[in-house]
Protein backbone atom coordinates (compact mmCIF):
# COMPACT_ATOMS: atom_id res chain seq x y z
CA MET A 1 106.40 122.38 120.75
CA VAL A 2 106.33 119.78 123.50
CA VAL A 3 102.54 119.97 123.83
CA SER A 4 102.02 119.68 120.10
CA PHE A 5 104.41 116.71 119.90
CA SER A 6 102.74 115.00 122.78
CA ILE A 7 99.34 115.42 121.11
CA SER A 8 100.72 114.13 117.84
CA LEU A 9 102.30 111.06 119.56
CA LEU A 10 99.06 110.32 121.35
CA GLY A 11 97.05 110.71 118.14
CA PHE A 12 99.53 108.38 116.38
CA LEU A 13 99.18 105.71 118.95
CA ILE A 14 95.43 105.80 118.86
CA LEU A 15 95.35 105.66 115.08
CA LYS A 16 97.84 102.76 115.09
CA HIS A 17 95.58 100.81 117.48
CA GLU A 18 92.46 101.47 115.46
CA ILE A 19 94.14 100.56 112.08
CA HIS A 20 95.77 97.50 113.57
CA GLU A 21 92.41 96.29 114.84
CA PHE A 22 90.95 96.90 111.39
CA PHE A 23 93.70 94.95 109.60
CA PHE A 24 93.57 92.11 112.17
CA ASN A 25 89.78 91.68 112.01
CA PHE A 26 89.82 91.64 108.18
CA GLY A 27 93.00 89.63 107.79
CA LEU A 28 94.59 92.21 105.42
CA ASN A 29 98.17 92.33 104.23
CA THR A 30 100.55 93.32 106.94
CA SER A 31 102.95 94.96 104.40
CA ILE A 32 100.15 97.53 103.68
CA PHE A 33 99.79 98.09 107.38
CA ASN A 34 103.49 98.83 107.72
CA PHE A 35 103.36 101.30 104.78
CA ILE A 36 100.47 103.08 106.45
CA MET A 37 102.47 103.28 109.69
CA TYR A 38 105.40 104.90 107.88
CA PHE A 39 103.05 107.32 106.27
CA LEU A 40 101.50 108.19 109.62
CA VAL A 41 104.91 108.84 111.14
CA SER A 42 105.56 111.31 108.30
CA VAL A 43 102.25 112.90 108.99
CA VAL A 44 103.05 113.25 112.71
CA LEU A 45 106.35 114.99 111.94
CA ILE A 46 104.88 117.34 109.35
CA VAL A 47 101.83 118.27 111.45
CA THR A 48 104.00 118.80 114.53
CA HIS A 49 106.42 120.99 112.52
CA PHE A 50 103.77 123.30 111.06
CA THR A 51 101.37 123.50 114.01
CA PHE A 52 103.70 123.48 117.07
CA GLU A 53 102.30 126.82 118.23
CA THR A 54 98.56 125.78 117.84
CA PRO A 55 97.74 122.67 119.75
CA THR A 56 94.00 123.13 119.12
CA ILE A 57 94.57 122.52 115.38
CA VAL A 58 96.61 119.40 116.19
CA TRP A 59 93.76 118.11 118.47
CA SER A 60 91.22 118.87 115.70
CA PHE A 61 93.35 117.11 113.03
CA TYR A 62 93.83 113.89 114.95
CA PHE A 63 90.27 113.91 116.24
CA PHE A 64 89.07 113.92 112.60
CA LEU A 65 91.44 111.11 111.59
CA ILE A 66 90.43 108.99 114.56
CA ILE A 67 86.70 109.42 113.81
CA ILE A 68 87.44 108.26 110.22
CA ALA A 69 89.39 105.25 111.54
CA ARG A 70 86.54 104.32 113.83
CA PHE A 71 84.02 104.29 110.96
CA LEU A 72 86.45 102.56 108.53
CA PRO A 73 85.48 98.96 109.57
CA HIS A 74 81.75 99.73 109.08
CA LEU A 75 82.45 101.13 105.60
CA ALA A 76 84.68 98.12 104.73
CA ARG A 77 82.07 95.60 105.82
CA SER A 78 79.40 97.23 103.59
CA LEU A 79 81.83 97.12 100.69
CA PHE A 80 83.01 93.60 101.36
CA GLU A 81 79.49 92.15 101.92
CA THR A 82 78.96 91.53 98.18
CA GLU A 83 82.25 89.73 97.99
CA ILE A 84 81.31 87.61 101.01
CA GLN A 85 77.91 86.72 99.41
CA ASN A 86 79.68 85.46 96.30
CA GLU A 87 82.34 83.65 98.23
CA SER A 88 79.76 81.87 100.36
CA LEU A 89 78.57 80.01 97.27
CA ASN A 90 82.11 78.80 96.55
CA PHE A 91 82.47 77.83 100.23
CA LEU A 92 79.29 75.74 100.08
CA ASP A 93 80.30 74.13 96.78
CA LYS A 94 83.56 72.91 98.38
CA ILE A 95 81.65 71.68 101.45
CA ILE A 96 79.15 69.79 99.18
CA LEU A 97 81.99 68.30 97.18
CA GLY A 98 83.62 67.05 100.33
CA VAL A 99 80.46 65.57 101.85
CA SER A 100 79.69 63.90 98.53
CA ALA A 101 83.09 62.23 98.70
CA GLY A 102 82.26 60.85 102.12
CA ILE A 103 84.14 63.36 104.25
CA ALA A 104 82.55 64.63 107.44
CA LEU A 105 80.95 68.05 107.52
CA ARG A 106 83.50 69.56 109.92
CA SER A 107 86.43 68.28 107.92
CA SER A 108 84.86 69.50 104.68
CA MET A 109 84.49 73.01 106.17
CA ASP A 110 88.11 73.02 107.39
CA LYS A 111 89.28 71.84 103.92
CA SER A 112 87.28 74.49 102.16
CA LEU A 113 89.31 77.09 103.99
CA GLU A 114 92.60 75.98 102.45
CA ASP A 115 92.29 77.92 99.23
CA MET A 116 91.23 81.16 100.81
CA THR A 117 93.55 84.05 101.55
CA GLY A 118 93.50 87.51 103.17
CA TRP A 119 90.40 88.93 104.68
CA ARG A 120 88.12 86.25 103.17
CA ARG A 121 90.01 83.58 105.07
CA ARG A 122 89.73 85.50 108.27
CA GLN A 123 86.00 85.90 107.95
CA PHE A 124 85.24 82.31 107.04
CA HIS A 125 87.66 81.07 109.66
CA ASP A 126 85.57 82.79 112.36
CA LEU A 127 82.42 81.19 110.80
CA ILE A 128 83.92 77.68 110.89
CA ARG A 129 85.09 78.11 114.45
CA THR A 130 81.60 79.27 115.53
CA VAL A 131 79.95 76.28 113.86
CA ASN A 132 82.49 73.71 115.08
CA LEU A 133 82.32 74.97 118.64
CA GLY A 134 78.57 75.57 118.66
CA GLN A 135 79.08 79.16 119.69
CA ASN A 136 76.55 82.04 119.53
CA VAL A 137 76.44 83.48 115.97
CA SER A 138 75.81 86.96 117.34
CA LYS A 139 79.54 87.53 117.39
CA ILE A 140 79.67 87.25 113.58
CA VAL A 141 79.39 90.82 112.14
CA SER A 142 78.52 89.99 108.47
CA PRO A 143 74.75 89.36 108.07
CA THR A 144 75.49 86.85 105.23
CA LEU A 145 77.93 84.80 107.32
CA LYS A 146 75.68 85.03 110.34
CA ASN A 147 72.75 83.50 108.42
CA LEU A 148 75.06 80.91 106.89
CA ALA A 149 76.43 79.94 110.36
CA GLU A 150 72.87 79.45 111.69
CA GLU A 151 71.98 77.17 108.75
CA LEU A 152 75.19 75.17 109.05
CA LEU A 153 74.63 74.76 112.77
CA PHE A 154 71.14 73.43 112.07
CA VAL A 155 72.51 70.97 109.48
CA GLN A 156 75.23 69.85 111.82
CA SER A 157 72.91 69.27 114.72
CA SER A 158 70.27 67.44 112.66
CA GLN A 159 72.72 64.90 111.15
CA VAL A 160 70.02 63.79 108.78
CA LYS A 161 70.36 63.97 104.98
CA THR A 162 73.32 66.33 105.33
CA LEU A 163 74.08 66.51 101.65
CA GLU A 164 70.51 67.25 100.67
CA GLN A 165 70.22 70.00 103.16
CA LEU A 166 73.48 71.57 101.96
CA GLN A 167 72.30 71.48 98.38
CA LYS A 168 69.02 73.04 99.38
CA LEU A 169 70.84 75.69 101.35
CA ARG A 170 73.02 76.51 98.33
CA ARG A 171 70.01 76.83 96.04
CA ASN A 172 68.31 79.22 98.50
CA ILE A 173 71.40 81.46 98.74
CA LYS A 174 71.85 81.47 94.99
CA LEU A 175 68.22 82.45 94.56
CA ARG A 176 68.52 85.31 97.04
CA LEU A 177 71.73 86.57 95.37
CA ASP A 178 70.04 86.55 91.99
CA LEU A 179 67.07 88.47 93.37
CA ARG A 180 69.30 91.05 94.95
CA HIS A 181 71.29 91.44 91.83
CA ARG A 182 68.02 91.83 89.84
CA SER A 183 66.67 94.42 92.32
CA ARG A 184 69.95 96.40 92.24
CA GLN A 185 69.76 96.56 88.45
CA VAL A 186 66.17 97.77 88.48
CA ALA A 187 66.99 100.29 91.20
CA LEU A 188 69.97 101.55 89.21
CA ASN A 189 67.88 102.00 86.09
CA MET A 190 65.19 103.91 88.07
CA ASN A 191 67.79 106.19 89.67
CA VAL A 192 69.38 106.97 86.33
CA GLN A 193 66.00 107.79 84.85
CA ALA A 194 65.01 109.90 87.83
CA GLY A 195 68.35 111.71 87.78
CA PHE A 196 67.90 112.50 84.06
CA LEU A 197 64.33 113.73 84.59
CA ILE A 198 65.49 115.99 87.50
CA PHE A 199 68.30 117.37 85.41
CA VAL A 200 65.93 118.18 82.47
CA PHE A 201 63.27 119.63 84.78
CA PHE A 202 65.65 121.94 86.56
CA GLY A 203 67.20 123.01 83.17
CA VAL A 204 63.74 123.89 81.78
CA SER A 205 62.86 125.67 85.04
CA PHE A 206 65.99 127.78 84.94
CA PHE A 207 65.46 128.67 81.30
CA SER A 208 61.82 129.62 82.01
CA TYR A 209 62.79 131.71 85.03
CA SER A 210 65.47 133.53 83.05
CA ASN A 211 63.31 134.34 80.01
CA TYR A 212 59.77 134.79 81.20
CA GLU A 213 58.00 137.07 83.65
CA THR A 214 57.95 136.12 87.32
CA LYS A 215 54.16 135.95 87.37
CA LEU A 216 54.08 133.33 84.66
CA PHE A 217 56.81 131.38 86.44
CA LEU A 218 54.89 131.37 89.75
CA LYS A 219 51.60 130.52 88.03
CA TYR A 220 52.68 127.54 86.01
CA LEU A 221 56.17 126.33 86.95
CA LEU A 222 55.82 126.48 90.65
CA PRO A 223 52.84 124.06 90.75
CA ALA A 224 54.66 121.84 88.30
CA THR A 225 57.62 121.72 90.60
CA ILE A 226 55.45 120.62 93.52
CA TRP A 227 53.82 117.86 91.39
CA PHE A 228 57.17 116.76 90.03
CA SER A 229 58.55 116.52 93.55
CA PHE A 230 55.60 114.35 94.54
CA GLY A 231 56.26 112.18 91.47
CA CYS A 232 59.97 111.71 92.46
CA LEU A 233 58.95 110.83 95.99
CA GLY A 234 56.46 108.30 94.68
CA LEU A 235 59.12 106.79 92.43
CA PHE A 236 61.58 106.36 95.29
CA TYR A 237 58.83 104.95 97.50
CA LEU A 238 57.95 102.30 94.91
CA GLN A 239 61.61 101.51 94.47
CA ARG A 240 62.17 100.84 98.17
CA ASN A 241 58.92 98.90 98.75
CA HIS A 242 58.75 96.76 95.66
CA LYS A 243 58.35 93.05 96.50
CA TRP A 244 59.89 90.47 94.17
CA LYS A 245 57.85 87.37 93.44
CA ILE A 246 59.76 84.09 93.31
């Protein structure tokens, strides 16, 4: 019982640290963090109660949860990246509006942060701090914000036609987002069509295998399966390597 409880307590502390880092880095609501902590305490008590005679199961359970917690930030960043891309346009719009009104670039960036909340505010706060201090952008995890920080650093250092450079930067980002949206739509349509064809092909193959002789199946359907597989691979290759023209 003591061993299982010690393992559960250690697992709880590690999970608390990982989840706290996740919430801090993304600027998420602390009330949700507190709710998760209460839930984890309940999990610790339940697991300890039912597995007090098998410490190995307790180790395996918490090892699995810790691995999930370690990969949670990477999953969240990939899910949040689209939101960051869209928010970057609003961010630039506010900066352009401020610069147009005669406000300095740094002040415009600080002012654009006022309406943001939650994890968005945290991400763009790190970007503004990097630009204002002239720090290395490698510390920024988001690829979108990293590129944006590099462009803003260049605009800030040049101090020439700041407004025109910001407007050009916004047009380029909008163009990239439109192309990505367009490519995702085409990829989705291709995947749906490929999935439907695969479903129909396997349905016909199963019907043929069930109702015809094995010799006929091997003579006609097996080569068809090979060619169909090559066709699917070619479709996926074209999808991944298609180049959009601007």
